[in-house]
Protein backbone atom coordinates (compact mmCIF):
# COMPACT_ATOMS: atom_id res chain seq x y z
CA MET A 1 -1.62 -23.83 27.37
CA SER A 2 -3.44 -26.56 29.56
CA GLU A 3 -6.68 -25.72 28.10
CA LEU A 4 -5.40 -25.59 24.78
CA VAL A 5 -4.24 -29.14 24.92
CA LYS A 6 -7.66 -30.36 26.53
CA ARG A 7 -9.46 -28.87 23.79
CA TYR A 8 -7.36 -29.68 20.56
CA GLY A 9 -4.97 -32.68 22.11
CA LEU A 10 -1.09 -32.62 22.05
CA GLY A 11 -0.25 -32.68 18.48
CA ILE A 12 -2.33 -29.95 17.11
CA THR A 13 -1.45 -27.60 20.20
CA THR A 14 2.33 -28.25 19.75
CA ALA A 15 1.46 -27.77 15.68
CA MET A 16 -0.13 -24.38 16.54
CA VAL A 17 2.55 -23.21 18.99
CA LEU A 18 5.36 -24.13 16.40
CA VAL A 19 3.49 -22.28 13.84
CA THR A 20 2.98 -19.47 15.95
CA ALA A 21 6.43 -19.17 17.55
CA PHE A 22 7.88 -19.76 14.03
CA TRP A 23 5.84 -16.89 12.41
CA LEU A 24 6.76 -14.62 15.50
CA ILE A 25 10.90 -15.38 15.18
CA VAL A 26 10.83 -15.15 11.21
CA MET A 27 8.41 -12.01 10.67
CA VAL A 28 8.90 -9.83 13.57
CA VAL A 29 11.98 -10.78 15.99
CA LEU A 30 14.49 -11.35 13.58
CA PRO A 31 13.52 -8.31 11.22
CA ALA A 32 13.41 -6.04 14.19
CA LEU A 33 17.02 -7.33 15.38
CA VAL A 34 18.65 -6.64 12.00
CA MET A 35 17.11 -3.06 12.21
CA VAL A 36 18.45 -2.53 15.57
CA GLU A 37 21.76 -3.60 14.53
CA TYR A 38 21.61 -1.29 11.73
CA SER A 39 20.69 1.53 13.61
CA PHE A 40 23.97 1.61 15.43
CA HIS A 41 26.15 1.32 12.41
CA THR A 42 27.33 4.38 10.26
CA ASN A 43 26.01 4.59 6.94
CA VAL A 44 28.73 3.32 4.45
CA PRO A 45 28.49 1.60 1.36
CA VAL A 46 28.13 -1.54 1.27
CA THR A 47 31.60 -2.48 0.01
CA LYS A 48 33.08 -0.34 2.94
CA ARG A 49 31.11 -2.96 5.38
CA GLY A 50 33.01 -4.13 8.11
CA GLY A 51 35.84 -1.76 7.36
CA PRO A 52 37.46 0.89 9.58
CA GLU A 53 34.84 3.33 8.65
CA ASP A 54 31.89 0.80 9.52
CA TYR A 55 31.59 1.13 13.41
CA TYR A 56 29.07 1.34 16.18
CA THR A 57 27.81 4.70 17.25
CA LEU A 58 25.00 6.55 18.82
CA ASP A 59 25.06 9.13 16.15
CA ASN A 60 21.81 8.16 14.59
CA TYR A 61 19.86 8.44 17.78
CA LEU A 62 21.50 11.98 18.50
CA SER A 63 21.09 13.19 15.16
CA LEU A 64 17.35 13.68 16.00
CA VAL A 65 17.96 16.46 18.24
CA ARG A 66 21.22 17.60 17.54
CA GLY A 67 21.28 21.30 16.79
CA THR A 68 18.50 22.36 19.03
CA ASP A 69 18.88 25.35 20.97
CA TRP A 70 16.53 24.94 24.31
CA SER A 71 17.55 28.58 24.90
CA THR A 72 15.25 29.84 22.19
CA TRP A 73 13.04 26.57 21.74
CA THR A 74 14.66 26.08 18.04
CA PHE A 75 14.83 22.59 16.97
CA PRO A 76 16.05 21.07 13.67
CA ASN A 77 13.60 19.69 11.34
CA ASP A 78 13.07 16.41 11.86
CA PHE A 79 12.63 16.82 15.75
CA ARG A 80 9.95 19.24 14.81
CA VAL A 81 8.22 16.54 12.58
CA PHE A 82 8.51 14.26 15.62
CA LEU A 83 7.00 16.63 17.85
CA ARG A 84 4.11 17.26 15.50
CA THR A 85 3.61 13.38 15.21
CA ILE A 86 3.26 13.14 18.75
CA TRP A 87 0.57 16.07 19.19
CA GLY A 88 -1.00 15.14 15.83
CA ALA A 89 -1.56 11.44 17.18
CA ALA A 90 -2.98 12.44 20.20
CA LEU A 91 -5.14 15.09 18.85
CA VAL A 92 -6.36 12.03 16.84
CA THR A 93 -7.08 9.67 19.91
CA LEU A 94 -8.99 12.54 21.59
CA LEU A 95 -10.80 13.13 18.57
CA SER A 96 -11.83 9.41 18.12
CA LEU A 97 -12.52 9.11 21.63
CA VAL A 98 -15.24 11.99 21.65
CA VAL A 99 -16.60 10.75 18.16
CA CYS A 100 -17.02 6.98 19.31
CA TYR A 101 -18.28 7.47 23.15
CA PRO A 102 -21.63 8.40 22.20
CA VAL A 103 -22.02 6.24 19.49
CA ALA A 104 -20.89 3.44 21.46
CA TRP A 105 -22.91 3.95 24.37
CA TYR A 106 -25.91 3.88 22.03
CA VAL A 107 -25.05 0.56 20.53
CA ALA A 108 -24.36 -0.92 23.46
CA LYS A 109 -27.26 -0.13 25.76
CA LEU A 110 -29.92 1.98 24.12
CA ALA A 111 -30.36 0.70 20.76
CA LYS A 112 -32.65 -2.47 19.90
CA PRO A 113 -30.56 -5.49 18.69
CA GLN A 114 -31.45 -5.18 14.96
CA ARG A 115 -30.91 -1.35 15.05
CA ALA A 116 -27.54 -2.17 16.89
CA ALA A 117 -26.46 -4.73 14.47
CA MET A 118 -27.44 -2.40 11.59
CA LEU A 119 -25.61 0.39 12.72
CA LEU A 120 -22.53 -1.86 13.31
CA LEU A 121 -22.91 -3.18 9.94
CA LEU A 122 -22.85 0.51 8.33
CA LEU A 123 -19.84 1.30 10.44
CA VAL A 124 -18.10 -1.72 8.96
CA ILE A 125 -18.79 -1.95 5.51
CA PRO A 126 -16.90 0.90 4.19
CA PHE A 127 -13.69 -0.90 6.07
CA TRP A 128 -14.09 -3.61 3.11
CA VAL A 129 -12.74 -1.09 0.81
CA ASN A 130 -9.12 -1.18 0.27
CA GLU A 131 -7.43 1.92 2.85
CA ILE A 132 -5.79 3.47 -0.01
CA LEU A 133 -8.84 3.80 -1.71
CA ARG A 134 -10.95 5.33 1.20
CA THR A 135 -8.14 7.64 1.73
CA PHE A 136 -8.54 8.70 -2.09
CA ALA A 137 -12.05 9.16 -1.55
CA TRP A 138 -11.42 11.84 1.21
CA TYR A 139 -9.05 13.50 -1.10
CA ILE A 140 -11.91 14.00 -3.32
CA ILE A 141 -14.34 14.82 -0.56
CA LEU A 142 -11.86 17.42 1.16
CA ALA A 143 -10.83 19.00 -2.01
CA TYR A 144 -11.21 22.88 -2.53
CA GLN A 145 -13.85 22.27 -5.09
CA GLY A 146 -14.71 19.03 -3.37
CA PRO A 147 -18.20 18.02 -2.15
CA LEU A 148 -17.82 19.12 1.35
CA ASN A 149 -16.80 22.68 0.35
CA ALA A 150 -19.80 22.53 -2.19
CA ALA A 151 -22.27 21.33 0.51
CA LEU A 152 -21.15 23.81 3.40
CA LEU A 153 -21.41 26.52 0.83
CA GLY A 154 -24.89 25.51 -0.56
CA ILE A 155 -26.45 25.66 3.44
CA GLY A 156 -24.85 28.79 3.87
CA ILE A 157 -22.06 27.69 6.65
CA LEU A 158 -19.04 28.89 4.46
CA GLU A 159 -19.07 31.96 2.59
CA LYS A 160 -15.82 30.80 0.75
CA PRO A 161 -14.26 27.45 0.32
CA VAL A 162 -11.71 26.16 2.88
CA ARG A 163 -8.55 24.47 2.01
CA TRP A 164 -9.05 21.35 4.04
CA LEU A 165 -5.84 19.83 2.51
CA SER A 166 -3.43 22.76 3.03
CA GLY A 167 -2.71 21.97 6.82
CA SER A 168 -3.26 19.38 9.42
CA GLY A 169 -7.55 19.49 9.20
CA GLY A 170 -7.28 16.70 6.16
CA VAL A 171 -5.12 14.58 7.98
CA LEU A 172 -7.06 14.51 11.34
CA ILE A 173 -10.31 14.04 9.49
CA GLY A 174 -8.89 11.09 7.50
CA MET A 175 -7.07 9.68 10.68
CA VAL A 176 -10.01 9.91 12.66
CA TYR A 177 -11.82 8.11 10.11
CA ALA A 178 -9.31 5.42 9.18
CA PHE A 179 -9.15 4.16 12.94
CA LEU A 180 -12.57 4.71 13.99
CA LEU A 181 -13.43 0.97 14.62
CA PHE A 182 -10.49 0.72 16.62
CA MET A 183 -11.95 3.06 19.04
CA MET A 184 -15.64 1.88 18.42
CA PHE A 185 -15.31 -2.01 19.41
CA PRO A 186 -13.18 -1.74 22.40
CA LEU A 187 -15.45 0.99 23.84
CA ILE A 188 -18.86 -1.20 22.89
CA ASN A 189 -17.28 -4.33 24.39
CA ALA A 190 -16.68 -2.52 27.63
CA ILE A 191 -19.58 -0.84 27.95
CA GLU A 192 -21.82 -3.96 26.95
CA THR A 193 -20.61 -5.64 30.46
CA LEU A 194 -22.10 -2.64 32.62
CA ASP A 195 -25.20 -3.13 34.47
CA MET A 196 -28.00 -1.11 34.08
CA ASN A 197 -29.49 -1.35 37.46
CA GLN A 198 -26.66 0.91 38.36
CA VAL A 199 -27.70 3.44 35.97
CA GLU A 200 -31.47 3.20 36.72
CA ALA A 201 -30.14 3.30 40.49
CA ALA A 202 -28.24 6.65 39.90
CA GLU A 203 -31.59 8.18 37.86
CA ASP A 204 -33.70 7.24 40.65
CA LEU A 205 -31.68 9.47 43.02
CA GLY A 206 -31.44 12.03 40.73
CA ALA A 207 -28.29 12.02 39.17
CA PRO A 208 -27.70 14.04 35.89
CA TRP A 209 -26.83 11.99 32.99
CA TRP A 210 -23.32 13.71 32.82
CA GLN A 211 -22.29 12.74 36.47
CA ILE A 212 -23.58 8.85 35.60
CA HIS A 213 -21.30 9.02 32.89
CA ARG A 214 -18.55 10.49 35.06
CA ARG A 215 -18.99 8.36 38.04
CA ILE A 216 -20.60 5.15 36.59
CA VAL A 217 -20.13 4.47 32.96
CA ILE A 218 -16.77 5.84 32.25
CA PRO A 219 -14.89 4.01 35.62
CA HIS A 220 -16.51 0.81 34.08
CA ALA A 221 -15.38 1.38 30.65
CA LYS A 222 -11.69 2.10 31.35
CA PRO A 223 -10.43 -0.91 30.22
CA GLY A 224 -11.91 -0.39 26.88
CA ILE A 225 -11.21 3.49 26.54
CA ALA A 226 -7.54 2.48 27.53
CA VAL A 227 -7.39 -0.39 24.63
CA GLY A 228 -9.04 1.92 22.04
CA CYS A 229 -6.58 4.90 22.94
CA ILE A 230 -3.75 2.71 22.60
CA MET A 231 -4.62 1.24 19.44
CA VAL A 232 -5.40 4.47 17.87
CA PHE A 233 -2.29 6.42 18.84
CA VAL A 234 -0.23 3.63 17.84
CA LEU A 235 -1.80 3.46 14.15
CA ALA A 236 -2.19 7.15 13.81
CA ALA A 237 1.65 7.59 15.13
CA SER A 238 2.84 4.97 12.68
CA SER A 239 0.38 5.88 9.87
CA TYR A 240 2.03 6.87 6.34
CA ILE A 241 -0.76 6.71 3.82
CA VAL A 242 -3.42 9.22 5.53
CA PRO A 243 -0.81 12.03 5.95
CA SER A 244 1.28 11.39 2.71
CA LEU A 245 -2.24 11.55 0.80
CA LEU A 246 -4.18 14.44 2.84
CA GLY A 247 -1.22 16.39 4.43
CA SER A 248 1.05 19.25 2.92
CA PRO A 249 4.72 19.54 2.97
CA GLY A 250 4.21 21.65 6.28
CA THR A 251 2.03 19.08 7.93
CA ARG A 252 4.78 16.02 7.37
CA TRP A 253 4.59 12.99 9.43
CA PHE A 254 7.43 11.20 11.27
CA THR A 255 6.56 7.91 9.19
CA GLU A 256 7.22 10.19 5.98
CA THR A 257 10.88 11.33 7.47
CA ILE A 258 11.75 7.71 7.97
CA TYR A 259 10.71 6.87 4.41
CA VAL A 260 12.97 9.86 3.37
CA TRP A 261 15.90 8.68 5.08
CA PHE A 262 15.64 4.92 4.06
CA PHE A 263 14.51 5.33 0.12
CA GLU A 264 15.81 8.91 -0.83
CA GLY A 265 18.64 9.31 1.50
CA GLN A 266 19.48 5.65 1.34
CA ASN A 267 20.46 5.95 4.98
CA TRP A 268 19.24 2.90 6.52
CA PRO A 269 20.91 3.48 9.51
CA ARG A 270 19.46 6.87 10.38
CA GLY A 271 15.95 5.63 8.97
CA SER A 272 16.37 2.31 11.91
CA ALA A 273 17.08 4.62 14.54
CA TYR A 274 14.33 7.09 13.87
CA ALA A 275 11.97 3.89 13.43
CA PHE A 276 13.08 2.74 16.88
CA ILE A 277 12.76 6.10 18.51
CA LEU A 278 8.81 5.98 17.10
CA LEU A 279 8.60 2.24 18.52
CA GLY A 280 9.92 3.88 22.00
CA LEU A 281 7.30 6.27 21.85
CA CYS A 282 4.40 4.11 21.21
CA VAL A 283 5.50 1.79 24.09
CA GLY A 284 6.14 4.73 26.36
CA PHE A 285 2.30 6.02 25.43
CA ILE A 286 1.04 2.23 26.16
CA MET A 287 2.30 2.55 29.42
CA LEU A 288 1.23 6.12 30.16
CA MET A 289 -2.32 4.79 29.46
CA MET A 290 -2.06 2.15 31.77
CA ARG A 291 -1.42 4.06 34.42
CA ILE A 292 -3.68 6.83 33.70
CA PHE A 293 -6.46 4.21 33.81
CA ARG A 294 -4.94 2.18 36.33
CA VAL A 295 -5.49 -1.08 34.12
CA GLY A 296 -3.24 -4.04 33.75
CA LEU A 297 -2.38 -6.09 30.98
CA ALA A 298 -4.93 -8.52 32.33
CA ASP A 299 -7.62 -6.01 31.77
CA ILE A 300 -6.80 -4.90 28.64
CA ALA A 301 -6.54 -8.25 27.48
CA LYS A 302 -10.41 -9.06 28.48
């Protein structure tokens, strides 16, 4: 705060703080508090709000696991969708890390400045297009008679077309593409600060490339990896457009279940409860990543 006052003066700093506080309170805190209050109510018509049938309860939260038979590992449909979302978001995060790490290493340390700038521009330009249009483009690409199957059939990799959109394949591909930059930029920022003298010393001592990355590059890039994993997981777990367009009825995402309870089932209390369960999952994943990579909030904020 003192640095802001020195740079912009007391009046401008006060105005900036007030505008930010107003935006956070009105757009974030108050709606969240309203949804929290909704989540503990019974689902009654508006005319019965405040009456004897409207009371506080935990049923909306417990309904997610109600009917679970742990002896046979039989779960209700909403809980199966929730578990599928956890697994899917974790897999999207892992795939994004595997895809982005080599590119980030090349851009940050191996490519010449002009080539690195060109690669970053090529990565960013497609994201100037609206997310819905980009997702529809993948819907066309992954169609049964789409360009991807035609190309794979043409070069002999496939003998018959694959139904990419009938399972989780299309959703995973679409999400990895949609959230690619949220993994890429934190990795590039973290790897750029690495002193290449450490890598050269390891090479002079005969260390293979995989050991250099395991012992030097990855430990140095831990804050970037943590930030990328957190952002991709949270965005993937809370995504609605990609799974609704590229998924199938058997691969429904938990956000779609929340949407159904809100707008089709007209059960706002249960939808609110499910939304906060998803929020709790994301917060738990953030804490897990910070513990695994042994980074704090200060490291992530760099």
